[in-house]
Amino acid sequence: MVDKRVIGLKYILLQVVILVLIATIPMHFYIDSELRNEVLQDYRDLQDYAQKVANKIYKFSNSNQVEFYFPRSNIFKSAIYDKDGRVIFSLLDDKGDDRYFKYDLKDNVLGAKTLVVAKKITHTKIILNALIILIIIVLLVFLSSFFIIKQSSEPYKRFNKYLENFIKDAMHELKTPIGVILLNLDGLSSTYGDSKMIKRAKSALKNMMVVYEDLEFFVRKSVIEHPKVDLNFSKFCEEKIEFFMDLLNSKDIKINSDIQDDIHINFCKLELSRIIDNTLSNAIKYSKNATTIHLSLKKEDDRVILKIKDEGKGIKDTKKIFQRYYRGDKISGGFGIGLSIVKHICDKNSVHVEVKSKLKEGSSFIFIFF
């Protein structure tokens, strides 16, 4: 099953790529067009300013004034040259980022033959306009995407709500008959003894109860708080072994328990039950008949270590087993949520999990409680 976060990241990346393409294509044509217009406008402005400077030079030549005040501007710079190209007067600089226009002068008293006018190249207006257009495009794409996603997600939200309510109702309806069946099987065992058929029925019911409790925890984990209490871990493990005894006997599996007395931890009873139930039921499910499961519980310094080892078929890929809906063996059934619940509980409570496995030799699940 693909992680939802990975799907979300891929969707975001796709949206970014689409947004870049949508913004880049029109921006390219806009900027190219504006640069061409800017060049034409600059040359028109330079030509107009050159004409104004030339007119002042001609006016001075036809007047009786002694001094000539060369025109100055905050936008334009200019210079005049004689017929040999020597500088008569210049306001130009050597920065090299200007746009130049050369203007041929008529005969004048200054002896100037050529007028050169320059204007600094600047794209400030184009950049500001481009940023405004880009912001508008981004907002339009974002708003349209938000609207489309919201509209398309509504049916899924309604379906998920319906499915959630259906599962809750189904869980509620299943709980009572499971309890009734278990009580009647216990009554039959007391009256007629544990026949093979009763043992098989009880073991199948125990499997069903583990799956039922997994589903119930999965549905309610985000709604109901699970408070931590002081638990006698040693006694809790012994009770769980007793609970699975019918399932163990149905496959003629022995359990070798090494439980240190009177180990206490502060933990949620329901969450600890999910850890042990799933690990132990999987060990039974994937073990061959007439094998042995080893369960040990001990305290080392400030750590409590629970180890459950089976002699089953082993696990092909120990990295995938905690993924939701992953099933290593589809033949054995299950929904693939049990170990994902175990991993969720362990991560939530800072419980370290180690899985060691060899094919055809068995697997070990080690839980370290700090």
Protein backbone atom coordinates (compact mmCIF):
# COMPACT_ATOMS: atom_id res chain seq x y z
CA MET A 1 0.00 0.00 0.00
CA VAL A 2 1.46 3.37 -0.99
CA ASP A 3 1.86 5.84 1.86
CA LYS A 4 -0.66 8.72 1.68
CA ARG A 5 2.16 11.17 2.39
CA VAL A 6 4.02 9.97 -0.72
CA ILE A 7 0.85 10.38 -2.81
CA GLY A 8 0.36 13.86 -1.37
CA LEU A 9 3.96 14.84 -2.15
CA LYS A 10 3.66 13.57 -5.73
CA TYR A 11 0.43 15.51 -6.19
CA ILE A 12 2.03 18.71 -4.86
CA LEU A 13 5.03 18.27 -7.19
CA LEU A 14 2.68 17.72 -10.13
CA GLN A 15 0.77 20.87 -9.22
CA VAL A 16 4.03 22.84 -9.02
CA VAL A 17 5.14 21.59 -12.46
CA ILE A 18 1.77 22.47 -13.99
CA LEU A 19 1.84 25.88 -12.32
CA VAL A 20 5.37 26.58 -13.61
CA LEU A 21 4.35 25.60 -17.15
CA ILE A 22 1.18 27.69 -17.03
CA ALA A 23 3.09 30.69 -15.73
CA THR A 24 6.25 30.31 -17.84
CA ILE A 25 4.73 30.07 -21.34
CA PRO A 26 2.70 33.32 -21.27
CA MET A 27 5.43 35.08 -19.28
CA HIS A 28 8.00 34.21 -21.94
CA PHE A 29 5.93 35.78 -24.72
CA TYR A 30 5.02 38.78 -22.56
CA ILE A 31 8.62 39.55 -21.56
CA ASP A 32 9.89 39.07 -25.13
CA SER A 33 7.23 41.44 -26.45
CA GLU A 34 7.86 44.03 -23.74
CA LEU A 35 11.63 43.97 -24.35
CA ARG A 36 11.07 44.69 -28.03
CA ASN A 37 8.68 47.52 -27.19
CA GLU A 38 11.14 48.89 -24.64
CA VAL A 39 13.93 49.04 -27.22
CA LEU A 40 11.69 50.87 -29.70
CA GLN A 41 10.46 53.29 -27.04
CA ASP A 42 14.01 53.98 -25.84
CA TYR A 43 15.16 54.86 -29.35
CA ARG A 44 12.17 57.14 -29.83
CA ASP A 45 12.97 58.87 -26.53
CA LEU A 46 16.65 59.14 -27.44
CA GLN A 47 15.78 60.60 -30.84
CA ASP A 48 13.43 63.16 -29.28
CA TYR A 49 16.03 64.19 -26.68
CA ALA A 50 18.77 64.41 -29.35
CA GLN A 51 16.53 66.70 -31.38
CA LYS A 52 16.00 68.95 -28.34
CA VAL A 53 19.75 69.19 -27.67
CA ALA A 54 20.42 69.87 -31.36
CA ASN A 55 17.79 72.63 -31.40
CA LYS A 56 19.47 74.31 -28.43
CA ILE A 57 22.82 74.16 -30.18
CA TYR A 58 21.31 75.68 -33.33
CA LYS A 59 19.55 78.36 -31.30
CA PHE A 60 22.80 79.26 -29.56
CA SER A 61 24.58 79.48 -32.93
CA ASN A 62 21.99 81.98 -34.17
CA SER A 63 22.09 84.11 -31.00
CA ASN A 64 24.52 86.63 -29.60
CA GLN A 65 25.08 84.71 -26.33
CA VAL A 66 28.66 84.22 -25.19
CA GLU A 67 28.25 81.12 -22.99
CA PHE A 68 26.49 77.91 -23.92
CA TYR A 69 24.89 75.86 -21.12
CA PHE A 70 24.93 72.28 -22.28
CA PRO A 71 21.55 70.58 -21.58
CA ARG A 72 21.50 68.12 -18.67
CA SER A 73 18.95 65.47 -17.72
CA ASN A 74 18.41 62.88 -14.96
CA ILE A 75 17.44 60.31 -17.59
CA PHE A 76 19.69 61.07 -20.58
CA LYS A 77 23.41 61.74 -20.97
CA SER A 78 25.02 63.21 -24.04
CA ALA A 79 28.24 64.31 -25.71
CA ILE A 80 29.31 66.25 -28.80
CA TYR A 81 32.24 65.48 -31.12
CA ASP A 82 33.99 67.41 -33.87
CA LYS A 83 34.38 66.21 -37.46
CA ASP A 84 37.50 64.21 -36.50
CA GLY A 85 35.70 62.40 -33.70
CA ARG A 86 37.40 64.31 -30.89
CA VAL A 87 35.34 65.10 -27.78
CA ILE A 88 34.23 68.70 -27.48
CA PHE A 89 32.09 68.15 -24.40
CA SER A 90 30.80 64.94 -22.72
CA LEU A 91 28.52 63.87 -19.91
CA LEU A 92 28.80 60.18 -20.81
CA ASP A 93 30.30 57.56 -18.49
CA ASP A 94 32.03 54.27 -19.23
CA LYS A 95 29.69 51.85 -17.37
CA GLY A 96 28.62 50.21 -20.62
CA ASP A 97 25.01 49.51 -19.61
CA ASP A 98 23.52 52.39 -21.65
CA ARG A 99 21.62 52.49 -24.91
CA TYR A 100 23.14 54.97 -27.42
CA PHE A 101 21.81 57.06 -30.26
CA LYS A 102 24.00 58.92 -32.76
CA TYR A 103 22.72 62.16 -34.31
CA ASP A 104 24.45 64.12 -37.12
CA LEU A 105 24.48 67.89 -36.50
CA LYS A 106 24.29 70.72 -38.98
CA ASP A 107 26.98 73.39 -39.04
CA ASN A 108 27.08 75.25 -35.74
CA VAL A 109 29.23 77.70 -33.82
CA LEU A 110 30.50 74.96 -31.49
CA GLY A 111 32.08 73.07 -34.35
CA ALA A 112 30.19 69.93 -33.31
CA LYS A 113 29.57 67.39 -36.02
CA THR A 114 28.11 64.48 -34.04
CA LEU A 115 25.81 64.31 -31.05
CA VAL A 116 25.65 61.08 -29.03
CA VAL A 117 22.80 60.59 -26.58
CA ALA A 118 22.65 57.73 -24.05
CA LYS A 119 20.03 56.29 -21.73
CA LYS A 120 20.57 53.72 -18.98
CA ILE A 121 19.02 50.35 -19.71
CA THR A 122 16.52 49.37 -17.04
CA HIS A 123 13.88 46.65 -16.96
CA THR A 124 12.22 47.70 -13.71
CA LYS A 125 8.83 48.31 -15.28
CA ILE A 126 8.87 44.97 -17.11
CA ILE A 127 9.90 43.11 -13.96
CA LEU A 128 7.17 44.71 -11.87
CA ASN A 129 4.53 43.98 -14.51
CA ALA A 130 5.77 40.42 -14.86
CA LEU A 131 5.58 39.90 -11.08
CA ILE A 132 2.03 41.26 -10.99
CA ILE A 133 0.97 38.96 -13.86
CA LEU A 134 2.71 35.99 -12.20
CA ILE A 135 0.94 36.64 -8.89
CA ILE A 136 -2.41 36.87 -10.68
CA ILE A 137 -1.75 33.57 -12.54
CA VAL A 138 -0.69 31.82 -9.32
CA LEU A 139 -3.79 33.05 -7.49
CA LEU A 140 -6.08 32.00 -10.34
CA VAL A 141 -4.49 28.53 -10.59
CA PHE A 142 -4.56 28.10 -6.81
CA LEU A 143 -8.19 29.16 -6.51
CA SER A 144 -9.29 27.02 -9.45
CA SER A 145 -7.31 24.01 -8.13
CA PHE A 146 -8.75 24.49 -4.66
CA PHE A 147 -12.28 24.65 -6.06
CA ILE A 148 -11.78 21.58 -8.28
CA ILE A 149 -10.19 19.53 -5.48
CA LYS A 150 -12.90 20.53 -3.04
CA GLN A 151 -15.67 19.62 -5.47
CA SER A 152 -14.06 16.32 -6.46
CA SER A 153 -13.30 15.30 -2.85
CA GLU A 154 -16.86 15.76 -1.59
CA PRO A 155 -18.12 12.36 -2.89
CA TYR A 156 -15.12 10.62 -1.29
CA LYS A 157 -15.75 12.40 2.02
CA ARG A 158 -19.38 11.32 1.98
CA PHE A 159 -18.39 7.75 1.07
CA ASN A 160 -15.73 7.63 3.81
CA LYS A 161 -18.25 8.93 6.35
CA TYR A 162 -20.77 6.34 5.23
CA LEU A 163 -18.13 3.58 5.37
CA GLU A 164 -16.98 4.68 8.82
CA ASN A 165 -20.55 4.65 10.17
CA PHE A 166 -21.16 1.28 8.53
CA ILE A 167 -18.03 -0.23 10.14
CA LYS A 168 -18.96 1.20 13.55
CA ASP A 169 -22.48 -0.23 13.29
CA ALA A 170 -21.17 -3.58 12.06
CA MET A 171 -18.64 -3.74 14.92
CA HIS A 172 -21.38 -3.02 17.42
CA GLU A 173 -23.63 -5.73 15.95
CA LEU A 174 -20.80 -8.30 15.91
CA LYS A 175 -19.73 -7.85 19.51
CA THR A 176 -22.83 -9.40 21.09
CA PRO A 177 -23.00 -12.60 18.97
CA ILE A 178 -19.25 -13.22 19.42
CA GLY A 179 -19.70 -13.04 23.20
CA VAL A 180 -22.75 -15.33 23.05
CA ILE A 181 -20.92 -17.92 20.93
CA LEU A 182 -17.93 -17.91 23.27
CA LEU A 183 -20.14 -18.40 26.36
CA ASN A 184 -22.01 -21.27 24.70
CA LEU A 185 -18.79 -22.96 23.62
CA ASP A 186 -17.50 -22.73 27.19
CA GLY A 187 -20.81 -24.26 28.34
CA LEU A 188 -20.49 -27.08 25.84
CA SER A 189 -16.92 -27.70 26.97
CA SER A 190 -18.05 -27.97 30.60
CA THR A 191 -20.87 -30.35 29.73
CA TYR A 192 -19.37 -32.57 27.03
CA GLY A 193 -15.65 -31.92 27.32
CA ASP A 194 -13.34 -30.36 24.78
CA SER A 195 -13.96 -32.34 21.61
CA LYS A 196 -11.97 -31.60 18.46
CA MET A 197 -14.91 -29.74 16.92
CA ILE A 198 -15.34 -27.54 20.01
CA LYS A 199 -11.59 -26.84 20.13
CA ARG A 200 -11.57 -25.84 16.46
CA ALA A 201 -14.63 -23.65 16.94
CA LYS A 202 -13.07 -21.95 19.98
CA SER A 203 -9.74 -21.39 18.21
CA ALA A 204 -11.50 -19.93 15.16
CA LEU A 205 -13.51 -17.67 17.46
CA LYS A 206 -10.33 -16.52 19.20
CA ASN A 207 -8.88 -15.61 15.80
CA MET A 208 -12.07 -13.75 14.99
CA MET A 209 -11.87 -11.85 18.30
CA VAL A 210 -8.30 -10.70 17.54
CA VAL A 211 -9.39 -9.41 14.12
CA TYR A 212 -12.50 -7.81 15.64
CA GLU A 213 -10.47 -6.03 18.33
CA ASP A 214 -7.96 -4.83 15.71
CA LEU A 215 -10.75 -3.35 13.61
CA GLU A 216 -12.37 -1.77 16.66
CA PHE A 217 -9.08 -0.21 17.73
CA PHE A 218 -8.39 0.96 14.17
CA VAL A 219 -11.79 2.66 13.89
CA ARG A 220 -11.81 4.24 17.36
CA LYS A 221 -8.11 5.08 17.94
CA SER A 222 -8.49 8.72 16.88
CA VAL A 223 -11.75 9.21 18.81
CA ILE A 224 -11.24 7.49 22.17
CA GLU A 225 -8.36 8.27 24.50
CA HIS A 226 -6.53 5.31 26.00
CA PRO A 227 -5.21 6.24 29.46
CA LYS A 228 -2.10 4.61 30.89
CA VAL A 229 -2.34 2.60 34.11
CA ASP A 230 0.02 0.58 36.26
CA LEU A 231 -0.01 -2.95 34.80
CA ASN A 232 1.40 -6.17 36.11
CA PHE A 233 3.08 -7.14 32.84
CA SER A 234 4.00 -10.60 34.07
CA LYS A 235 0.41 -11.51 34.96
CA PHE A 236 -0.86 -9.88 31.76
CA CYS A 237 1.37 -12.14 29.60
CA GLU A 238 0.23 -15.24 31.50
CA GLU A 239 -3.41 -14.28 30.91
CA LYS A 240 -2.74 -13.82 27.19
CA ILE A 241 -1.14 -17.25 26.96
CA GLU A 242 -4.21 -18.72 28.62
CA PHE A 243 -6.46 -16.83 26.17
CA PHE A 244 -4.67 -18.35 23.16
CA MET A 245 -4.44 -21.86 24.62
CA ASP A 246 -7.34 -23.16 22.51
CA LEU A 247 -5.67 -21.80 19.38
CA LEU A 248 -2.34 -23.35 20.40
CA ASN A 249 -3.93 -26.72 21.12
CA SER A 250 -5.76 -26.75 17.79
CA LYS A 251 -2.38 -26.84 16.02
CA ASP A 252 -0.64 -28.91 18.69
CA ILE A 253 1.76 -26.01 19.34
CA LYS A 254 3.54 -25.84 22.67
CA ILE A 255 4.46 -22.55 24.30
CA ASN A 256 7.64 -22.21 26.30
CA SER A 257 7.24 -19.20 28.60
CA ASP A 258 10.00 -17.60 30.61
CA ILE A 259 8.27 -14.76 32.47
CA GLN A 260 10.03 -12.91 35.25
CA ASP A 261 7.72 -12.34 38.23
CA ASP A 262 6.10 -9.07 39.21
CA ILE A 263 7.21 -6.80 36.33
CA HIS A 264 5.15 -3.61 36.27
CA ILE A 265 4.90 -0.98 33.52
CA ASN A 266 2.84 2.17 33.04
CA PHE A 267 0.93 1.45 29.85
CA CYS A 268 -2.52 1.42 28.29
CA LYS A 269 -4.09 -2.01 28.79
CA LEU A 270 -5.89 -1.99 25.44
CA GLU A 271 -2.75 -0.98 23.51
CA LEU A 272 -0.60 -3.59 25.26
CA SER A 273 -3.26 -6.16 24.45
CA ARG A 274 -3.05 -5.25 20.74
CA ILE A 275 0.75 -5.67 20.77
CA ILE A 276 0.69 -9.12 22.38
CA ASP A 277 -2.48 -10.40 20.67
CA ASN A 278 -1.25 -9.56 17.16
CA THR A 279 2.28 -10.82 17.70
CA LEU A 280 1.24 -14.04 19.39
CA SER A 281 -1.66 -14.79 17.00
CA ASN A 282 0.68 -14.25 14.01
CA ALA A 283 3.24 -16.57 15.59
CA ILE A 284 0.54 -19.25 15.91
CA LYS A 285 -0.90 -18.59 12.44
CA TYR A 286 2.43 -18.87 10.60
CA SER A 287 3.85 -21.75 12.68
CA LYS A 288 3.72 -25.34 11.57
CA ASN A 289 1.82 -27.91 13.62
CA ALA A 290 3.62 -29.52 16.56
CA THR A 291 6.23 -26.74 16.93
CA THR A 292 7.11 -24.50 19.85
CA ILE A 293 6.63 -20.78 20.49
CA HIS A 294 8.98 -19.13 22.98
CA LEU A 295 7.77 -16.15 25.01
CA SER A 296 10.09 -14.41 27.43
CA LEU A 297 9.63 -11.34 29.61
CA LYS A 298 12.44 -9.89 31.67
CA LYS A 299 13.66 -6.64 33.14
CA GLU A 300 17.16 -5.33 32.49
CA ASP A 301 18.09 -2.11 34.29
CA ASP A 302 15.37 0.39 33.29
CA ARG A 303 14.21 -1.64 30.30
CA VAL A 304 11.52 -4.29 30.02
CA ILE A 305 12.07 -6.75 27.16
CA LEU A 306 9.32 -8.87 25.65
CA LYS A 307 10.40 -11.48 23.09
CA ILE A 308 8.11 -13.77 21.11
CA LYS A 309 9.85 -16.33 18.88
CA ASP A 310 8.24 -18.91 16.62
CA GLU A 311 9.49 -21.82 14.50
CA GLY A 312 7.40 -20.89 11.48
CA LYS A 313 8.03 -20.16 7.81
CA GLY A 314 9.86 -16.87 8.39
CA ILE A 315 9.36 -13.44 6.84
CA LYS A 316 10.58 -12.50 3.35
CA ASP A 317 10.78 -8.75 3.91
CA THR A 318 10.84 -7.54 7.53
CA LYS A 319 10.81 -3.88 6.41
CA LYS A 320 7.33 -4.12 4.86
CA ILE A 321 5.43 -6.04 7.52
CA PHE A 322 4.46 -2.89 9.48
CA GLN A 323 2.93 -1.20 6.42
CA ARG A 324 -0.85 -0.94 6.54
CA TYR A 325 -2.67 -3.57 4.43
CA TYR A 326 0.58 -5.41 3.65
CA ARG A 327 0.20 -9.17 3.82
CA GLY A 328 3.25 -11.39 3.51
CA ASP A 329 1.11 -14.44 2.84
CA LYS A 330 -2.30 -13.85 1.24
CA ILE A 331 -3.22 -17.51 1.68
CA SER A 332 -3.29 -17.12 5.46
CA GLY A 333 -5.89 -14.35 5.22
CA GLY A 334 -6.16 -11.25 7.37
CA PHE A 335 -6.59 -7.57 6.55
CA GLY A 336 -2.97 -6.52 6.97
CA ILE A 337 -3.71 -3.98 9.71
CA GLY A 338 -2.62 -5.87 12.83
CA LEU A 339 1.11 -5.14 12.68
CA SER A 340 0.51 -1.59 11.44
CA ILE A 341 -1.49 -1.06 14.65
CA VAL A 342 1.36 -2.57 16.65
CA LYS A 343 3.85 -0.19 14.99
CA HIS A 344 1.55 2.79 15.61
CA ILE A 345 1.27 1.93 19.31
CA CYS A 346 5.02 1.38 19.64
CA ASP A 347 5.87 4.68 17.95
CA LYS A 348 3.32 6.50 20.09
CA ASN A 349 4.75 5.10 23.33
CA SER A 350 8.48 5.08 22.33
CA VAL A 351 8.65 1.28 22.36
CA HIS A 352 11.56 -0.04 20.30
CA VAL A 353 10.72 -2.97 17.99
CA GLU A 354 13.20 -5.41 16.48
CA VAL A 355 12.28 -8.16 14.02
CA LYS A 356 14.65 -10.98 13.22
CA SER A 357 13.68 -13.68 10.77
CA LYS A 358 15.07 -16.51 8.67
CA LEU A 359 13.05 -18.27 6.01
CA LYS A 360 11.90 -21.78 7.01
CA GLU A 361 13.42 -21.28 10.49
CA GLY A 362 11.15 -18.75 12.18
CA SER A 363 10.84 -15.17 13.38
CA SER A 364 11.51 -13.23 16.57
CA PHE A 365 9.70 -10.06 17.64
CA ILE A 366 11.49 -8.13 20.37
CA PHE A 367 9.76 -5.21 22.13
CA ILE A 368 11.83 -2.99 24.42
CA PHE A 369 9.83 -0.82 26.85
CA PHE A 370 11.76 2.07 28.37
